[in-house]
């Protein structure tokens, strides 16, 4: 019985590495909440916002597999703290409002750091659990690490409305430094972050691997790419700079921050349950369910005329996307670091293209909610392919 109880809890290394990753995400996620609203004050154009929000993903198309190879050969006890230190320094760079080339360079460097932090975090989590429970391990890792984006999005937007751009990122830079000892402890004496592929993984059909990569592209492009990067602009376009509820007036930056933070609140609370659910129902059926739900919610959000309906659909979409992320990460990581690195690259490719496509649309077409329509189309395609996958023999 004691052994069973221990299996229900995440491994110590999962808690530590997820907590360290949470600190590293403060500045990155705050940019998503603040930059789409504050970009004119920084002297930026809309297309530059799209480049800044996607640059860290473009560089990861190169650095994801680099991180996989290096972490297979170098002791991650030093790699993890170094990535966290650089993450803190980048927050200070954002805060001092340097011109576009400097911010772009900082985003590229963050992409390199995140390749290492994500690879180490995911593989440490999956390798620390028993066979058949990868979803649960990824769920706990996701749930804990999402605390960082919650703080970055919501608290960051709130601090911006109160203290301004510079003070917000300086505060987050200082907080990020607290993740360094956690990252070091998560890897000290820990040899579980480099597991071998599970039995039978080498014989898996390449067609299924291709579908996994396509699904990753869809999740990255529709969610972090299209919806998250343009949500603040859509809200401001439809409801103005403030929202009034009786005597209460709330800034649109705070509303946007709350919505973006809710994506990670959902992950924090729900991810352990999502992981257990996909372990039980199976990855293929789970993929169809969450892809279908995401398609319907985005299509409805595009046509929504009221704030309540729009917010409801966005929240339901975030739930569907969170399940998809846990499902795909667990499925890929159980087949080894290289397969997960391929999935991560597909996620990043989608997330890199999304902001550029979304903000280019805003530059030339006066229809902000078109980003919702494109997301629904992508998820609809993934839903159709997932039906084919279900019909295949396991």
Protein backbone atom coordinates (compact mmCIF):
# COMPACT_ATOMS: atom_id res chain seq x y z
CA UNK A 1 0.00 0.00 0.00
CA UNK A 2 2.75 2.57 0.74
CA UNK A 3 4.32 1.76 -2.64
CA UNK A 4 1.01 2.39 -4.36
CA UNK A 5 0.65 5.72 -2.61
CA UNK A 6 4.09 6.76 -3.74
CA UNK A 7 3.22 5.99 -7.36
CA UNK A 8 0.28 8.37 -7.19
CA UNK A 9 2.59 11.31 -6.50
CA UNK A 10 5.06 12.84 -8.95
CA UNK A 11 8.72 11.96 -8.58
CA UNK A 12 10.81 14.53 -6.68
CA UNK A 13 12.73 15.38 -9.83
CA UNK A 14 9.45 16.15 -11.64
CA UNK A 15 8.45 18.68 -8.98
CA UNK A 16 11.85 20.36 -8.99
CA UNK A 17 12.36 20.55 -12.74
CA UNK A 18 8.78 21.74 -13.34
CA UNK A 19 9.16 24.45 -10.71
CA UNK A 20 12.41 25.64 -12.29
CA UNK A 21 10.79 25.76 -15.73
CA UNK A 22 7.91 27.78 -14.27
CA UNK A 23 10.32 30.54 -13.21
CA UNK A 24 11.93 30.60 -16.66
CA UNK A 25 8.60 31.35 -18.37
CA UNK A 26 7.72 34.56 -16.52
CA UNK A 27 9.16 37.07 -18.98
CA UNK A 28 8.26 35.14 -22.12
CA UNK A 29 4.59 34.86 -21.26
CA UNK A 30 4.33 38.45 -20.05
CA UNK A 31 5.31 39.60 -23.53
CA UNK A 32 2.24 37.86 -24.99
CA UNK A 33 -0.03 39.72 -22.61
CA UNK A 34 1.59 43.15 -22.89
CA UNK A 35 3.32 43.58 -26.25
CA UNK A 36 0.21 43.36 -28.51
CA UNK A 37 -1.22 46.32 -26.58
CA UNK A 38 1.94 48.34 -25.78
CA UNK A 39 3.86 47.92 -29.06
CA UNK A 40 3.20 51.45 -30.37
CA UNK A 41 4.71 53.01 -27.24
CA UNK A 42 7.88 50.99 -27.90
CA UNK A 43 8.04 52.29 -31.46
CA UNK A 44 7.17 48.94 -33.04
CA UNK A 45 5.01 48.17 -36.06
CA UNK A 46 2.45 45.29 -36.16
CA UNK A 47 4.63 43.13 -38.40
CA UNK A 48 7.52 43.56 -35.94
CA UNK A 49 5.29 42.29 -33.13
CA UNK A 50 4.65 39.15 -35.15
CA UNK A 51 8.37 38.67 -35.76
CA UNK A 52 9.24 39.20 -32.09
CA UNK A 53 6.58 36.79 -30.84
CA UNK A 54 7.65 34.11 -33.31
CA UNK A 55 11.44 34.54 -33.49
CA UNK A 56 12.08 32.32 -30.46
CA UNK A 57 10.16 29.53 -32.20
CA UNK A 58 11.95 29.87 -35.52
CA UNK A 59 15.35 29.45 -33.91
CA UNK A 60 14.11 26.35 -32.08
CA UNK A 61 13.59 24.61 -35.41
CA UNK A 62 17.39 24.37 -35.35
CA UNK A 63 18.12 24.21 -31.64
CA UNK A 64 15.62 21.50 -30.56
CA UNK A 65 17.66 18.65 -32.01
CA UNK A 66 20.85 20.40 -30.92
CA UNK A 67 19.52 20.33 -27.35
CA UNK A 68 18.62 16.64 -27.67
CA UNK A 69 22.13 15.73 -28.81
CA UNK A 70 23.95 17.89 -26.26
CA UNK A 71 21.85 16.77 -23.27
CA UNK A 72 22.58 13.17 -24.27
CA UNK A 73 26.30 13.83 -23.82
CA UNK A 74 26.68 16.59 -21.23
CA UNK A 75 25.65 16.51 -17.57
CA UNK A 76 22.46 18.55 -17.37
CA UNK A 77 23.25 19.59 -13.80
CA UNK A 78 25.01 22.60 -15.31
CA UNK A 79 22.93 23.09 -18.46
CA UNK A 80 19.68 23.62 -16.56
CA UNK A 81 20.92 26.43 -14.22
CA UNK A 82 22.68 28.18 -17.12
CA UNK A 83 19.45 28.28 -19.11
CA UNK A 84 17.63 29.78 -16.14
CA UNK A 85 20.30 32.43 -15.62
CA UNK A 86 20.07 33.56 -19.23
CA UNK A 87 16.25 33.62 -18.93
CA UNK A 88 16.55 36.10 -16.07
CA UNK A 89 18.96 38.34 -17.98
CA UNK A 90 16.59 38.43 -20.94
CA UNK A 91 13.80 39.79 -18.73
CA UNK A 92 16.04 42.75 -17.90
CA UNK A 93 16.67 43.32 -21.61
CA UNK A 94 12.93 43.40 -22.30
CA UNK A 95 12.39 45.80 -19.43
CA UNK A 96 14.82 48.43 -20.62
CA UNK A 97 12.93 48.76 -23.89
CA UNK A 98 15.81 48.38 -26.32
CA UNK A 99 15.08 48.89 -30.04
CA UNK A 100 13.69 46.17 -32.29
CA UNK A 101 17.03 44.51 -33.24
CA UNK A 102 18.01 44.07 -29.56
CA UNK A 103 14.62 42.64 -28.58
CA UNK A 104 14.76 40.33 -31.60
CA UNK A 105 18.20 39.10 -30.56
CA UNK A 106 16.94 38.48 -27.02
CA UNK A 107 14.03 36.43 -28.36
CA UNK A 108 16.37 34.31 -30.46
CA UNK A 109 18.54 33.64 -27.41
CA UNK A 110 15.44 32.73 -25.39
CA UNK A 111 14.51 30.20 -28.07
CA UNK A 112 17.89 28.51 -27.62
CA UNK A 113 17.42 28.41 -23.84
CA UNK A 114 13.91 27.01 -24.09
CA UNK A 115 15.04 24.16 -26.35
CA UNK A 116 17.26 22.93 -23.53
CA UNK A 117 14.87 23.66 -20.66
CA UNK A 118 11.91 21.92 -22.34
CA UNK A 119 13.91 18.89 -23.50
CA UNK A 120 15.35 18.37 -20.03
CA UNK A 121 12.02 18.95 -18.28
CA UNK A 122 9.95 16.57 -20.43
CA UNK A 123 12.49 13.75 -20.55
CA UNK A 124 13.19 13.99 -16.82
CA UNK A 125 9.47 13.70 -16.12
CA UNK A 126 8.73 10.76 -18.43
CA UNK A 127 11.81 8.79 -17.40
CA UNK A 128 10.92 9.10 -13.72
CA UNK A 129 7.61 7.21 -14.03
CA UNK A 130 6.62 3.60 -14.59
CA UNK A 131 5.63 2.25 -18.01
CA UNK A 132 2.10 3.12 -19.03
CA UNK A 133 1.89 6.25 -16.88
CA UNK A 134 3.68 8.76 -19.11
CA UNK A 135 0.53 10.83 -19.43
CA UNK A 136 0.29 11.22 -15.67
CA UNK A 137 3.97 12.26 -15.42
CA UNK A 138 3.58 14.82 -18.18
CA UNK A 139 0.37 16.00 -16.54
CA UNK A 140 2.08 16.74 -13.24
CA UNK A 141 5.01 18.40 -15.00
CA UNK A 142 2.65 20.55 -17.07
CA UNK A 143 0.50 21.43 -14.08
CA UNK A 144 3.41 22.66 -11.98
CA UNK A 145 5.28 24.43 -14.78
CA UNK A 146 2.12 26.29 -15.85
CA UNK A 147 2.29 28.32 -12.65
CA UNK A 148 5.00 30.39 -14.36
CA UNK A 149 2.90 31.37 -17.39
CA UNK A 150 -0.05 32.14 -15.10
CA UNK A 151 2.09 34.64 -13.22
CA UNK A 152 3.66 35.97 -16.39
CA UNK A 153 0.36 36.57 -18.19
CA UNK A 154 -2.03 37.72 -15.51
CA UNK A 155 0.23 39.24 -12.85
CA UNK A 156 2.45 40.65 -15.59
CA UNK A 157 -0.49 42.41 -17.24
CA UNK A 158 -1.71 43.66 -13.87
CA UNK A 159 1.73 45.00 -12.96
CA UNK A 160 1.94 46.66 -16.36
CA UNK A 161 -1.33 48.52 -15.76
CA UNK A 162 -0.04 49.62 -12.32
CA UNK A 163 3.75 50.04 -12.63
CA UNK A 164 4.49 50.16 -16.33
CA UNK A 165 6.51 48.11 -18.81
CA UNK A 166 10.03 48.45 -17.40
CA UNK A 167 9.24 47.73 -13.73
CA UNK A 168 7.22 44.65 -14.65
CA UNK A 169 10.08 42.94 -16.47
CA UNK A 170 12.72 43.94 -13.92
CA UNK A 171 10.61 42.32 -11.19
CA UNK A 172 10.19 39.17 -13.29
CA UNK A 173 13.91 39.06 -14.01
CA UNK A 174 14.67 39.02 -10.29
CA UNK A 175 12.05 36.32 -9.66
CA UNK A 176 13.45 34.12 -12.44
CA UNK A 177 16.75 33.90 -10.56
CA UNK A 178 14.98 31.86 -7.85
CA UNK A 179 14.59 29.01 -10.32
CA UNK A 180 18.33 28.40 -10.59
CA UNK A 181 18.78 26.36 -7.37
CA UNK A 182 15.66 24.35 -8.20
CA UNK A 183 16.97 23.53 -11.65
CA UNK A 184 20.31 22.46 -10.21
CA UNK A 185 18.68 20.25 -7.57
CA UNK A 186 16.42 18.60 -10.16
CA UNK A 187 19.44 17.28 -12.04
CA UNK A 188 21.92 16.71 -9.21
CA UNK A 189 22.60 12.99 -9.03
CA UNK A 190 19.74 12.39 -11.45
CA UNK A 191 20.33 10.07 -14.37
CA UNK A 192 16.73 9.61 -15.48
CA UNK A 193 16.50 12.40 -18.03
CA UNK A 194 17.92 10.37 -20.92
CA UNK A 195 15.70 7.27 -21.28
CA UNK A 196 15.88 4.87 -24.16
CA UNK A 197 12.94 4.46 -26.47
CA UNK A 198 10.24 2.10 -25.28
CA UNK A 199 10.12 -1.45 -26.68
CA UNK A 200 8.49 -1.54 -30.06
CA UNK A 201 9.00 2.16 -30.72
CA UNK A 202 11.50 1.49 -33.49
CA UNK A 203 8.94 -0.62 -35.31
CA UNK A 204 6.17 1.97 -35.18
CA UNK A 205 4.89 2.95 -38.62
CA UNK A 206 6.48 6.06 -40.06
CA UNK A 207 2.98 7.15 -41.09
CA UNK A 208 1.98 7.38 -37.43
CA UNK A 209 5.13 9.35 -36.65
CA UNK A 210 4.20 11.72 -39.48
CA UNK A 211 0.72 12.20 -38.04
CA UNK A 212 2.21 12.94 -34.62
CA UNK A 213 4.36 15.66 -36.15
CA UNK A 214 1.38 17.10 -38.07
CA UNK A 215 -0.73 17.14 -34.91
CA UNK A 216 2.06 18.99 -33.13
CA UNK A 217 2.16 21.59 -35.89
CA UNK A 218 -1.61 22.14 -35.60
CA UNK A 219 -1.54 22.52 -31.81
CA UNK A 220 1.36 24.99 -32.00
CA UNK A 221 -0.01 27.07 -34.87
CA UNK A 222 -3.64 27.34 -33.75
CA UNK A 223 -3.03 27.95 -30.04
CA UNK A 224 0.20 29.81 -29.17
CA UNK A 225 0.54 31.00 -32.74
CA UNK A 226 -2.80 32.35 -33.93
CA UNK A 227 -5.09 32.64 -30.91
CA UNK A 228 -2.71 33.77 -28.16
CA UNK A 229 -0.73 36.25 -30.24
CA UNK A 230 -3.79 38.08 -31.59
CA UNK A 231 -6.25 37.73 -28.70
CA UNK A 232 -5.41 41.08 -27.11
CA UNK A 233 -5.89 42.91 -30.40
CA UNK A 234 -9.22 41.14 -31.03
CA UNK A 235 -10.51 42.11 -27.60
CA UNK A 236 -9.45 45.73 -28.04
CA UNK A 237 -10.97 45.86 -31.53
CA UNK A 238 -14.34 44.51 -30.39
CA UNK A 239 -14.68 45.97 -26.89
CA UNK A 240 -12.35 48.99 -26.73
CA UNK A 241 -9.59 49.83 -24.26
CA UNK A 242 -11.68 49.11 -21.16
CA UNK A 243 -14.57 46.90 -20.10
CA UNK A 244 -17.17 48.29 -17.71
CA UNK A 245 -19.20 46.07 -15.37
CA UNK A 246 -21.34 48.36 -13.22
CA UNK A 247 -19.03 50.62 -11.24
CA UNK A 248 -15.97 48.49 -12.10
CA UNK A 249 -13.74 49.45 -15.02
CA UNK A 250 -11.15 46.89 -16.10
CA UNK A 251 -8.34 47.59 -18.57
CA UNK A 252 -8.31 45.41 -21.66
CA UNK A 253 -4.69 44.44 -20.92
CA UNK A 254 -5.84 42.93 -17.63
CA UNK A 255 -8.67 41.07 -19.36
CA UNK A 256 -6.28 39.72 -21.97
CA UNK A 257 -3.80 38.76 -19.27
CA UNK A 258 -6.52 36.94 -17.37
CA UNK A 259 -7.53 34.98 -20.45
CA UNK A 260 -3.96 34.02 -21.32
CA UNK A 261 -3.31 33.13 -17.69
CA UNK A 262 -6.48 31.01 -17.61
CA UNK A 263 -4.90 28.76 -20.25
CA UNK A 264 -2.19 27.96 -17.76
CA UNK A 265 -4.57 27.84 -14.78
CA UNK A 266 -6.41 25.13 -16.69
CA UNK A 267 -3.10 23.38 -17.21
CA UNK A 268 -2.11 23.68 -13.57
CA UNK A 269 -5.37 22.33 -12.20
CA UNK A 270 -6.35 19.95 -14.95
CA UNK A 271 -3.15 18.57 -16.47
CA UNK A 272 -2.64 15.74 -13.93
CA UNK A 273 -6.23 14.63 -14.57
CA UNK A 274 -5.82 15.07 -18.34
CA UNK A 275 -2.72 12.88 -18.25
CA UNK A 276 -4.46 10.15 -16.28
CA UNK A 277 -7.42 10.36 -18.67
CA UNK A 278 -5.36 9.89 -21.83
CA UNK A 279 -3.46 6.99 -20.23
CA UNK A 280 -6.85 5.35 -19.66
CA UNK A 281 -8.72 6.17 -22.89
CA UNK A 282 -5.74 5.82 -25.20
CA UNK A 283 -3.88 8.41 -27.23
CA UNK A 284 -5.78 7.87 -30.49
CA UNK A 285 -9.31 8.26 -29.16
CA UNK A 286 -8.21 11.10 -26.93
CA UNK A 287 -6.77 12.93 -29.93
CA UNK A 288 -10.06 12.77 -31.84
CA UNK A 289 -12.07 14.06 -28.88
CA UNK A 290 -9.89 17.08 -28.14
CA UNK A 291 -9.39 17.97 -31.82
CA UNK A 292 -13.15 17.91 -32.43
CA UNK A 293 -13.80 20.07 -29.36
CA UNK A 294 -11.16 22.60 -30.39
CA UNK A 295 -12.64 22.86 -33.88
CA UNK A 296 -16.13 23.62 -32.58
CA UNK A 297 -15.04 26.15 -29.96
CA UNK A 298 -12.91 28.20 -32.36
CA UNK A 299 -15.63 28.24 -34.99
CA UNK A 300 -18.11 29.49 -32.39
CA UNK A 301 -15.66 32.10 -31.07
CA UNK A 302 -15.31 33.56 -34.54
CA UNK A 303 -19.05 34.23 -34.73
CA UNK A 304 -19.50 35.33 -31.09
CA UNK A 305 -21.00 38.78 -30.64
CA UNK A 306 -21.07 38.92 -26.83
CA UNK A 307 -18.12 39.04 -24.47
CA UNK A 308 -19.50 36.21 -22.33
CA UNK A 309 -19.82 33.81 -25.27
CA UNK A 310 -16.38 34.72 -26.59
CA UNK A 311 -14.73 34.20 -23.21
CA UNK A 312 -16.55 30.89 -22.73
CA UNK A 313 -15.40 29.54 -26.09
CA UNK A 314 -11.81 30.64 -25.51
CA UNK A 315 -11.76 28.86 -22.14
CA UNK A 316 -13.20 25.67 -23.65
CA UNK A 317 -10.65 25.87 -26.43
CA UNK A 318 -7.84 26.15 -23.89
CA UNK A 319 -9.10 22.98 -22.17
CA UNK A 320 -9.10 21.07 -25.47
CA UNK A 321 -5.64 22.34 -26.39
CA UNK A 322 -4.25 21.46 -22.94
CA UNK A 323 -5.42 17.85 -23.30
CA UNK A 324 -3.89 17.69 -26.78
CA UNK A 325 -0.55 18.99 -25.51
CA UNK A 326 -0.34 16.46 -22.68
CA UNK A 327 -1.40 13.66 -25.01
CA UNK A 328 1.11 14.43 -27.76
CA UNK A 329 4.00 15.07 -25.36
CA UNK A 330 3.45 11.78 -23.56
CA UNK A 331 3.07 9.83 -26.78
CA UNK A 332 6.28 11.27 -28.25
CA UNK A 333 8.44 11.13 -25.11
CA UNK A 334 7.70 7.44 -24.50
CA UNK A 335 9.49 6.77 -27.78
CA UNK A 336 12.66 8.52 -26.67
CA UNK A 337 14.35 11.96 -26.73
CA UNK A 338 14.74 12.10 -30.50
CA UNK A 339 11.04 11.56 -31.20
CA UNK A 340 10.11 14.17 -28.62
CA UNK A 341 12.59 16.63 -30.18
CA UNK A 342 10.82 16.09 -33.52
CA UNK A 343 7.43 16.81 -31.94
CA UNK A 344 8.85 19.90 -30.21
CA UNK A 345 10.14 21.16 -33.56
CA UNK A 346 6.70 20.65 -35.14
CA UNK A 347 5.07 22.54 -32.26
CA UNK A 348 7.56 25.37 -32.67
CA UNK A 349 7.13 25.54 -36.43
CA UNK A 350 3.39 26.00 -35.98
CA UNK A 351 3.82 28.49 -33.15
CA UNK A 352 6.37 30.44 -35.23
CA UNK A 353 4.16 30.67 -38.31
CA UNK A 354 1.03 31.53 -36.33
CA UNK A 355 1.92 35.07 -35.14
CA UNK A 356 3.31 36.03 -38.54
CA UNK A 357 0.17 34.81 -40.33
CA UNK A 358 -2.15 36.35 -37.73
CA UNK A 359 -0.48 39.76 -37.65
CA UNK A 360 -0.02 39.86 -41.42
CA UNK A 361 -3.78 39.39 -41.71
CA UNK A 362 -4.29 42.30 -39.32
CA UNK A 363 -1.97 44.42 -41.46
CA UNK A 364 -3.99 43.96 -44.66
CA UNK A 365 -7.46 42.62 -43.77
CA UNK A 366 -9.82 44.30 -41.32
CA UNK A 367 -11.10 41.02 -39.86
CA UNK A 368 -9.25 40.14 -36.63
CA UNK A 369 -11.36 37.02 -35.88
CA UNK A 370 -10.09 35.39 -39.07
CA UNK A 371 -7.33 33.92 -36.92
CA UNK A 372 -10.03 31.91 -35.11
CA UNK A 373 -11.31 30.62 -38.46
CA UNK A 374 -7.83 29.49 -39.53
CA UNK A 375 -7.35 27.71 -36.20
CA UNK A 376 -10.68 25.91 -36.62
CA UNK A 377 -9.67 24.75 -40.10
CA UNK A 378 -6.37 23.36 -38.85
CA UNK A 379 -7.99 21.50 -35.95
CA UNK A 380 -10.68 20.21 -38.30
CA UNK A 381 -7.99 18.68 -40.51
CA UNK A 382 -6.34 17.11 -37.46
CA UNK A 383 -9.71 15.68 -36.39
CA UNK A 384 -10.16 14.00 -39.78
CA UNK A 385 -6.68 12.48 -39.69
CA UNK A 386 -7.25 11.26 -36.13
CA UNK A 387 -10.30 9.27 -37.34
CA UNK A 388 -8.03 7.45 -39.76
CA UNK A 389 -5.58 6.77 -36.94
CA UNK A 390 -8.29 5.27 -34.74
CA UNK A 391 -9.21 2.80 -37.47
CA UNK A 392 -5.66 1.51 -37.67
CA UNK A 393 -4.62 -1.56 -35.75
CA UNK A 394 -2.82 -0.69 -32.51
